[in-house]
Structures are given as C-alpha cells and as structure tokens.
Amino acid sequence: MSENILFYLVFLSQIFLVSYYYPKEILKRISYVIETYPVDKYPKLYIKHPDYYRLGQTIFKVINYIILALGLIILIAVAVWDSNSDGKVNEVIPAAYFFLQMVPMIMMEISGFAYFKLMRKTDMRTKRTADLEPRRLFDFVPPFSLGIALVMFVACILFYHNLEPLRISVENDTFTILLTLLLTNILFAGIIFWNLYGKTRDPYQDGPDYKKQVKMTIKSLIYTSIVASAFFMINKAIDTYNLDFMQPVLMSAYLQFIIFIGLGAMLRNQNIEEMNFDVYKADVTDAG
C-alpha cells in the first residue's frame, strides 16, 4: 500500500483540478459576462434569454459535483482494495475517470458550437469587416516550438524501435505508438489548419481577441504533442524497468498536465476583463 500513496495524492489532485477548480473558473467567467454585459445593452451576445445560460451553468455545476463525488468514492474504494491486496493500481482507473470528467466539458463545447452557429444564422449585417492580414502558422507560434514537437516525435519512435524493432503489426508496440502519435498529430494539424483558415466561430468577435484565441489554441496543441511523446517514452521506460506501480501516477499526472497546458492556458491567458465586448452592443452598426 505504501507504494501507492503517491498515486492517492496525484489522483486526488486530478479529482479536484478537473472536476472542481477548472469548472469553477469557467462558471466564474460566465457569471461575470452575464452580470457585466446585460442583454439590454449587449443584445448580440445573447441568442437566448440569460436565464437559459444560468440554467446551463447550474446543470454544468451539478454534473461536475456528481463526478467529483464519484471520484472520491473511487479513491476510497481503491484504497480499501489496496489495503487488502498486494496488486498494483491499474493505470486505466485515472484514464477512465478522466474521460468521465471530460463529459461536461464536451457537453459545453457542443453547446458552444450550437450557440455560435445560431449566432451566425441570426447575424443580419449586410456589411462586415474582415481581417485582410494573412494568417501564418509562425505568426502564432515560434518555429522552435514546432521543431521541438517534431524532434520529440522522432525521438519517441526511435526510443521504441531501439527496444522493439518496428514491425507492421498491432502487437508491435513501436508500430502502435507510431500509429497513435501520427494520427494524433494529424488531428492536431487539422485543428490548427481550421483555426488558421476556417470560418470564425463568432461573427462579432473582435480581431485581436480572435488572434489571441487562435494563438493559445495552436500553442496548446503543439505543447500537447511534445508532452504526449515524452509521456509515451517515460511510460515505456517504466514498463521496461518493471516500475509498474508508477504507471497510474504517470497517467494521472499526464492527464492533468494536458488540461493545464490546454484549458488551463486558455483560462490563464484570455483575461475576460480585457476582451472587447463593445462588438455586441445594440448601437453597433452593420458597417462595424
């Protein structure tokens, strides 16, 4: 049981970070917007009555509290099992629980897509401003960061290949990791491309605010790629040197770090008080 004490601390951090702290920060931002920018002065910000969004806040909060409570129950259950067993904690536990923690986040993201789709549909302006400055990848992220991501990708594959030569087989770890990282990075590249050249989700969003959002998205994806490669190498080393008890700790820490450099970076760097909400005012003309 003493070997798993570190896991209890790290998993407890995962429970509160993902199901309490970040949801609380998201709800604070929503409340600030509703209270600071009322519907009578900023009608373009509200597709539905503010009470609809308050209800959404309540549902989001309740679901996260339920998941938080479930996480504590899982932690206690694992501790009870651990006290009566010599087995190791399965690394699937923090991963499976993390996917459950992501459910309310995914629901909010889907709701956000529907919100902006309806906003674009109700945008009756005949004239709209457009940012004519071309968007280039290296305007948002330095080449060095992308280079590090590529180096880490290659290093990870070579590391696995050194331990288990590459064979095209699902039973070959090197092939599996190569395929996993390749598909993950292709997905990230697609998201980056869409952010650079796709249609703006919010038709009213101020240009500088949008650029800042795109920059944070691209940076978080590239950093996530770097961390993913490092995670797979560390995980393989742990498995090679029979340090299995560290795998659930590593998995939980990795998932938390992914949230920290993704959602966490967005919340830290996009100060809601500095964003331009004048674009949603009633007196904004079609020419604006």
Protein backbone atom coordinates (compact mmCIF):
# COMPACT_ATOMS: atom_id res chain seq x y z
CA MET A 1 0.00 0.00 0.00
CA SER A 2 2.88 2.37 0.76
CA GLU A 3 3.90 2.22 -2.91
CA ASN A 4 0.53 3.67 -3.90
CA ILE A 5 0.47 6.67 -1.53
CA LEU A 6 1.84 8.90 -4.29
CA PHE A 7 -0.96 7.71 -6.56
CA TYR A 8 -3.60 8.70 -3.99
CA LEU A 9 -2.19 12.22 -3.78
CA VAL A 10 -1.88 12.65 -7.56
CA PHE A 11 -5.32 11.15 -8.27
CA LEU A 12 -6.86 13.37 -5.57
CA SER A 13 -5.32 16.32 -7.39
CA GLN A 14 -6.90 15.10 -10.64
CA ILE A 15 -10.32 14.86 -9.00
CA PHE A 16 -10.29 18.42 -7.69
CA LEU A 17 -8.39 20.08 -10.54
CA VAL A 18 -10.60 18.77 -13.36
CA SER A 19 -13.96 18.45 -11.61
CA TYR A 20 -13.83 21.39 -9.20
CA TYR A 21 -11.19 24.04 -9.90
CA TYR A 22 -11.49 24.44 -13.67
CA PRO A 23 -15.31 24.14 -13.72
CA LYS A 24 -15.42 26.80 -11.00
CA GLU A 25 -13.22 29.10 -13.10
CA ILE A 26 -15.41 28.55 -16.18
CA LEU A 27 -18.57 29.32 -14.21
CA LYS A 28 -16.99 32.48 -12.79
CA ARG A 29 -16.29 33.72 -16.32
CA ILE A 30 -19.84 33.01 -17.47
CA SER A 31 -21.31 34.75 -14.43
CA TYR A 32 -19.04 37.75 -14.96
CA VAL A 33 -20.19 38.11 -18.57
CA ILE A 34 -23.90 37.83 -17.73
CA GLU A 35 -23.65 40.32 -14.85
CA THR A 36 -21.29 42.80 -16.55
CA TYR A 37 -22.77 42.77 -20.05
CA PRO A 38 -26.59 42.68 -19.69
CA VAL A 39 -28.88 41.70 -22.54
CA ASP A 40 -30.43 45.18 -22.86
CA LYS A 41 -27.06 46.76 -23.70
CA TYR A 42 -25.36 43.81 -25.40
CA PRO A 43 -28.19 42.03 -27.26
CA LYS A 44 -25.92 40.47 -29.89
CA LEU A 45 -24.22 38.44 -27.17
CA TYR A 46 -27.43 36.63 -26.27
CA ILE A 47 -29.17 34.31 -28.70
CA LYS A 48 -31.50 33.19 -25.90
CA HIS A 49 -32.65 34.69 -22.61
CA PRO A 50 -29.91 34.93 -19.95
CA ASP A 51 -31.93 32.56 -17.75
CA TYR A 52 -31.22 29.84 -20.30
CA TYR A 53 -27.48 30.26 -19.73
CA ARG A 54 -27.94 30.37 -15.96
CA LEU A 55 -29.76 27.05 -16.18
CA GLY A 56 -26.87 25.69 -18.22
CA GLN A 57 -24.48 26.88 -15.50
CA THR A 58 -26.47 25.03 -12.84
CA ILE A 59 -26.54 21.80 -14.85
CA PHE A 60 -22.80 22.07 -15.57
CA LYS A 61 -22.08 22.66 -11.87
CA VAL A 62 -24.26 19.78 -10.65
CA ILE A 63 -22.78 17.29 -13.12
CA ASN A 64 -19.25 18.22 -12.10
CA TYR A 65 -20.12 17.87 -8.41
CA ILE A 66 -21.55 14.40 -9.08
CA ILE A 67 -18.41 13.38 -10.96
CA LEU A 68 -16.25 14.84 -8.18
CA ALA A 69 -18.14 12.80 -5.57
CA LEU A 70 -17.79 9.70 -7.72
CA GLY A 71 -14.05 10.31 -7.94
CA LEU A 72 -13.76 10.43 -4.15
CA ILE A 73 -15.74 7.18 -3.93
CA ILE A 74 -13.39 5.56 -6.46
CA LEU A 75 -10.37 6.77 -4.50
CA ILE A 76 -11.73 5.32 -1.25
CA ALA A 77 -12.66 2.05 -2.96
CA VAL A 78 -9.16 1.72 -4.43
CA ALA A 79 -7.60 2.43 -1.02
CA VAL A 80 -9.78 -0.24 0.65
CA TRP A 81 -8.92 -2.75 -2.08
CA ASP A 82 -5.24 -1.82 -1.85
CA SER A 83 -5.15 -2.40 1.90
CA ASN A 84 -6.28 -6.00 1.36
CA SER A 85 -4.27 -6.79 -1.76
CA ASP A 86 -0.70 -6.95 -2.98
CA GLY A 87 -1.63 -5.95 -6.54
CA LYS A 88 -0.86 -2.64 -8.21
CA VAL A 89 -3.40 0.04 -9.03
CA ASN A 90 -4.48 -0.21 -12.67
CA GLU A 91 -3.45 2.80 -14.77
CA VAL A 92 -6.81 2.52 -16.53
CA ILE A 93 -8.53 3.97 -13.44
CA PRO A 94 -7.27 7.59 -13.78
CA ALA A 95 -7.72 7.44 -17.58
CA ALA A 96 -11.30 6.10 -17.43
CA TYR A 97 -12.22 8.63 -14.74
CA PHE A 98 -10.65 11.43 -16.79
CA PHE A 99 -12.89 10.61 -19.76
CA LEU A 100 -15.85 10.82 -17.40
CA GLN A 101 -14.58 14.18 -16.16
CA MET A 102 -14.49 15.39 -19.76
CA VAL A 103 -18.21 14.69 -20.32
CA PRO A 104 -19.48 18.07 -19.00
CA MET A 105 -16.64 19.86 -20.85
CA ILE A 106 -17.62 18.14 -24.09
CA MET A 107 -21.29 18.97 -23.48
CA MET A 108 -20.36 22.63 -23.02
CA GLU A 109 -18.24 22.58 -26.19
CA ILE A 110 -21.10 21.09 -28.21
CA SER A 111 -23.43 23.70 -26.75
CA GLY A 112 -20.91 26.36 -27.76
CA PHE A 113 -20.88 25.16 -31.38
CA ALA A 114 -24.69 25.31 -31.47
CA TYR A 115 -24.61 28.79 -29.88
CA PHE A 116 -22.20 30.23 -32.45
CA LYS A 117 -23.99 28.52 -35.33
CA LEU A 118 -27.24 30.20 -34.28
CA MET A 119 -25.38 33.48 -33.79
CA ARG A 120 -24.10 33.35 -37.36
CA LYS A 121 -27.58 32.50 -38.62
CA THR A 122 -29.13 35.50 -36.87
CA ASP A 123 -26.38 37.88 -37.98
CA MET A 124 -28.31 40.16 -40.35
CA ARG A 125 -25.50 42.57 -41.18
CA THR A 126 -25.15 43.35 -44.86
CA LYS A 127 -21.61 44.64 -44.42
CA ARG A 128 -18.97 43.00 -42.32
CA THR A 129 -15.39 43.77 -41.54
CA ALA A 130 -12.73 41.25 -42.45
CA ASP A 131 -9.15 40.84 -41.36
CA LEU A 132 -7.19 41.06 -44.63
CA GLU A 133 -3.87 40.24 -42.95
CA PRO A 134 -2.87 36.66 -43.91
CA ARG A 135 -2.66 34.19 -41.04
CA ARG A 136 0.60 32.27 -41.00
CA LEU A 137 1.47 29.48 -38.61
CA PHE A 138 4.68 31.10 -37.42
CA ASP A 139 2.83 34.33 -36.62
CA PHE A 140 1.23 32.41 -33.76
CA VAL A 141 3.94 30.02 -32.64
CA PRO A 142 7.75 30.17 -33.00
CA PRO A 143 9.42 27.68 -35.39
CA PHE A 144 11.47 26.43 -32.42
CA SER A 145 8.36 25.04 -30.71
CA LEU A 146 7.25 23.19 -33.83
CA GLY A 147 10.79 21.89 -34.25
CA ILE A 148 10.80 20.52 -30.71
CA ALA A 149 7.49 18.75 -31.39
CA LEU A 150 8.94 17.08 -34.50
CA VAL A 151 12.16 16.12 -32.69
CA MET A 152 10.20 14.59 -29.81
CA PHE A 153 8.02 12.65 -32.24
CA VAL A 154 11.06 11.15 -33.97
CA ALA A 155 12.85 10.56 -30.65
CA CYS A 156 9.84 8.67 -29.29
CA ILE A 157 9.67 6.37 -32.33
CA LEU A 158 13.43 5.72 -32.24
CA PHE A 159 13.26 5.04 -28.50
CA TYR A 160 10.57 2.40 -29.01
CA HIS A 161 12.33 1.00 -32.08
CA ASN A 162 15.51 0.55 -30.05
CA LEU A 163 13.64 -1.55 -27.51
CA GLU A 164 11.37 -3.33 -30.00
CA PRO A 165 12.20 -3.13 -33.74
CA LEU A 166 9.34 -1.80 -35.86
CA ARG A 167 7.04 -4.38 -37.44
CA ILE A 168 3.69 -3.67 -39.09
CA SER A 169 1.57 -5.44 -36.51
CA VAL A 170 -0.91 -4.29 -33.87
CA GLU A 171 1.03 -6.43 -31.39
CA ASN A 172 4.19 -4.44 -32.02
CA ASP A 173 4.48 -1.56 -29.51
CA THR A 174 6.61 0.57 -31.84
CA PHE A 175 4.07 0.31 -34.65
CA THR A 176 1.18 1.03 -32.24
CA ILE A 177 2.87 4.14 -30.84
CA LEU A 178 3.87 5.32 -34.33
CA LEU A 179 0.27 5.00 -35.50
CA THR A 180 -1.13 6.62 -32.33
CA LEU A 181 1.21 9.61 -32.43
CA LEU A 182 0.82 10.00 -36.19
CA LEU A 183 -2.99 10.07 -36.04
CA THR A 184 -2.93 12.38 -33.01
CA ASN A 185 -0.64 14.86 -34.72
CA ILE A 186 -2.67 14.72 -37.93
CA LEU A 187 -5.74 15.59 -35.86
CA PHE A 188 -3.85 18.46 -34.22
CA ALA A 189 -2.67 19.69 -37.63
CA GLY A 190 -6.27 19.64 -38.87
CA ILE A 191 -7.45 21.70 -35.89
CA ILE A 192 -4.61 24.18 -36.42
CA PHE A 193 -5.43 24.48 -40.13
CA TRP A 194 -9.11 25.07 -39.32
CA ASN A 195 -8.20 27.78 -36.79
CA LEU A 196 -5.91 29.50 -39.29
CA TYR A 197 -8.07 29.35 -42.39
CA GLY A 198 -11.54 28.23 -41.34
CA LYS A 199 -14.62 30.34 -40.70
CA THR A 200 -14.62 32.35 -37.48
CA ARG A 201 -17.00 30.77 -34.98
CA ASP A 202 -18.15 34.09 -33.51
CA PRO A 203 -19.12 36.53 -36.30
CA TYR A 204 -18.85 39.53 -33.97
CA GLN A 205 -15.62 38.67 -32.16
CA ASP A 206 -13.00 41.41 -32.12
CA GLY A 207 -10.00 40.69 -34.35
CA PRO A 208 -7.27 40.92 -31.67
CA ASP A 209 -9.33 38.71 -29.33
CA TYR A 210 -9.71 36.13 -32.08
CA LYS A 211 -5.99 36.15 -32.86
CA LYS A 212 -5.18 35.67 -29.20
CA GLN A 213 -7.58 32.74 -29.04
CA VAL A 214 -6.05 31.14 -32.14
CA LYS A 215 -2.55 31.63 -30.75
CA MET A 216 -3.42 29.90 -27.49
CA THR A 217 -5.11 27.02 -29.32
CA ILE A 218 -2.13 26.41 -31.61
CA LYS A 219 0.42 26.67 -28.81
CA SER A 220 -1.51 24.30 -26.56
CA LEU A 221 -1.79 21.70 -29.35
CA ILE A 222 1.92 21.83 -30.14
CA TYR A 223 2.85 21.61 -26.46
CA THR A 224 0.41 18.72 -26.05
CA SER A 225 2.17 16.92 -28.92
CA ILE A 226 5.52 17.39 -27.18
CA VAL A 227 4.19 16.15 -23.85
CA ALA A 228 2.48 13.14 -25.47
CA SER A 229 5.77 11.99 -26.99
CA ALA A 230 7.54 12.42 -23.64
CA PHE A 231 4.74 10.55 -21.85
CA PHE A 232 4.99 7.52 -24.12
CA MET A 233 8.77 7.34 -23.69
CA ILE A 234 8.57 7.60 -19.90
CA ASN A 235 5.76 5.05 -19.78
CA LYS A 236 7.81 2.61 -21.88
CA ALA A 237 10.85 3.11 -19.62
CA ILE A 238 8.72 2.40 -16.55
CA ASP A 239 7.44 -0.78 -18.17
CA THR A 240 10.94 -1.84 -19.24
CA TYR A 241 12.42 -1.40 -15.78
CA ASN A 242 9.48 -3.06 -14.00
CA LEU A 243 8.34 0.08 -12.17
CA ASP A 244 4.68 -0.78 -12.79
CA PHE A 245 3.46 0.90 -9.61
CA MET A 246 4.44 4.26 -11.16
CA GLN A 247 2.22 3.87 -14.25
CA PRO A 248 -1.08 5.05 -12.67
CA VAL A 249 0.78 8.01 -11.13
CA LEU A 250 2.26 8.91 -14.50
CA MET A 251 -1.09 8.52 -16.26
CA SER A 252 -2.92 10.81 -13.81
CA ALA A 253 -0.11 13.40 -13.85
CA TYR A 254 -0.02 13.34 -17.65
CA LEU A 255 -3.77 13.90 -17.98
CA GLN A 256 -3.65 16.80 -15.53
CA PHE A 257 -0.74 18.38 -17.38
CA ILE A 258 -2.63 18.10 -20.66
CA ILE A 259 -5.53 20.01 -19.08
CA PHE A 260 -3.10 22.53 -17.59
CA ILE A 261 -1.50 23.41 -20.94
CA GLY A 262 -4.82 23.30 -22.78
CA LEU A 263 -7.90 24.54 -20.95
CA GLY A 264 -5.78 25.97 -18.15
CA ALA A 265 -3.70 28.06 -20.55
CA MET A 266 -6.87 29.43 -22.17
CA LEU A 267 -8.28 30.48 -18.80
CA ARG A 268 -4.99 31.99 -17.65
CA ASN A 269 -4.16 33.93 -20.79
CA GLN A 270 -7.56 35.07 -22.03
CA ASN A 271 -8.47 37.65 -19.43
CA ILE A 272 -12.23 38.14 -19.74
CA GLU A 273 -11.93 41.69 -18.41
CA GLU A 274 -9.61 42.67 -21.27
CA MET A 275 -11.80 41.31 -24.08
CA ASN A 276 -13.70 43.73 -26.29
CA PHE A 277 -17.44 43.27 -25.73
CA ASP A 278 -18.40 46.52 -27.47
CA VAL A 279 -18.92 44.49 -30.66
CA TYR A 280 -22.05 43.00 -29.06
CA LYS A 281 -23.63 46.35 -28.19
CA ALA A 282 -27.01 47.38 -29.54
CA ASP A 283 -25.57 50.52 -31.13
CA VAL A 284 -23.02 48.63 -33.23
CA THR A 285 -23.94 49.41 -36.84
CA ASP A 286 -23.96 46.98 -39.72
CA ALA A 287 -20.93 48.76 -41.05
CA GLY A 288 -18.99 47.65 -37.97
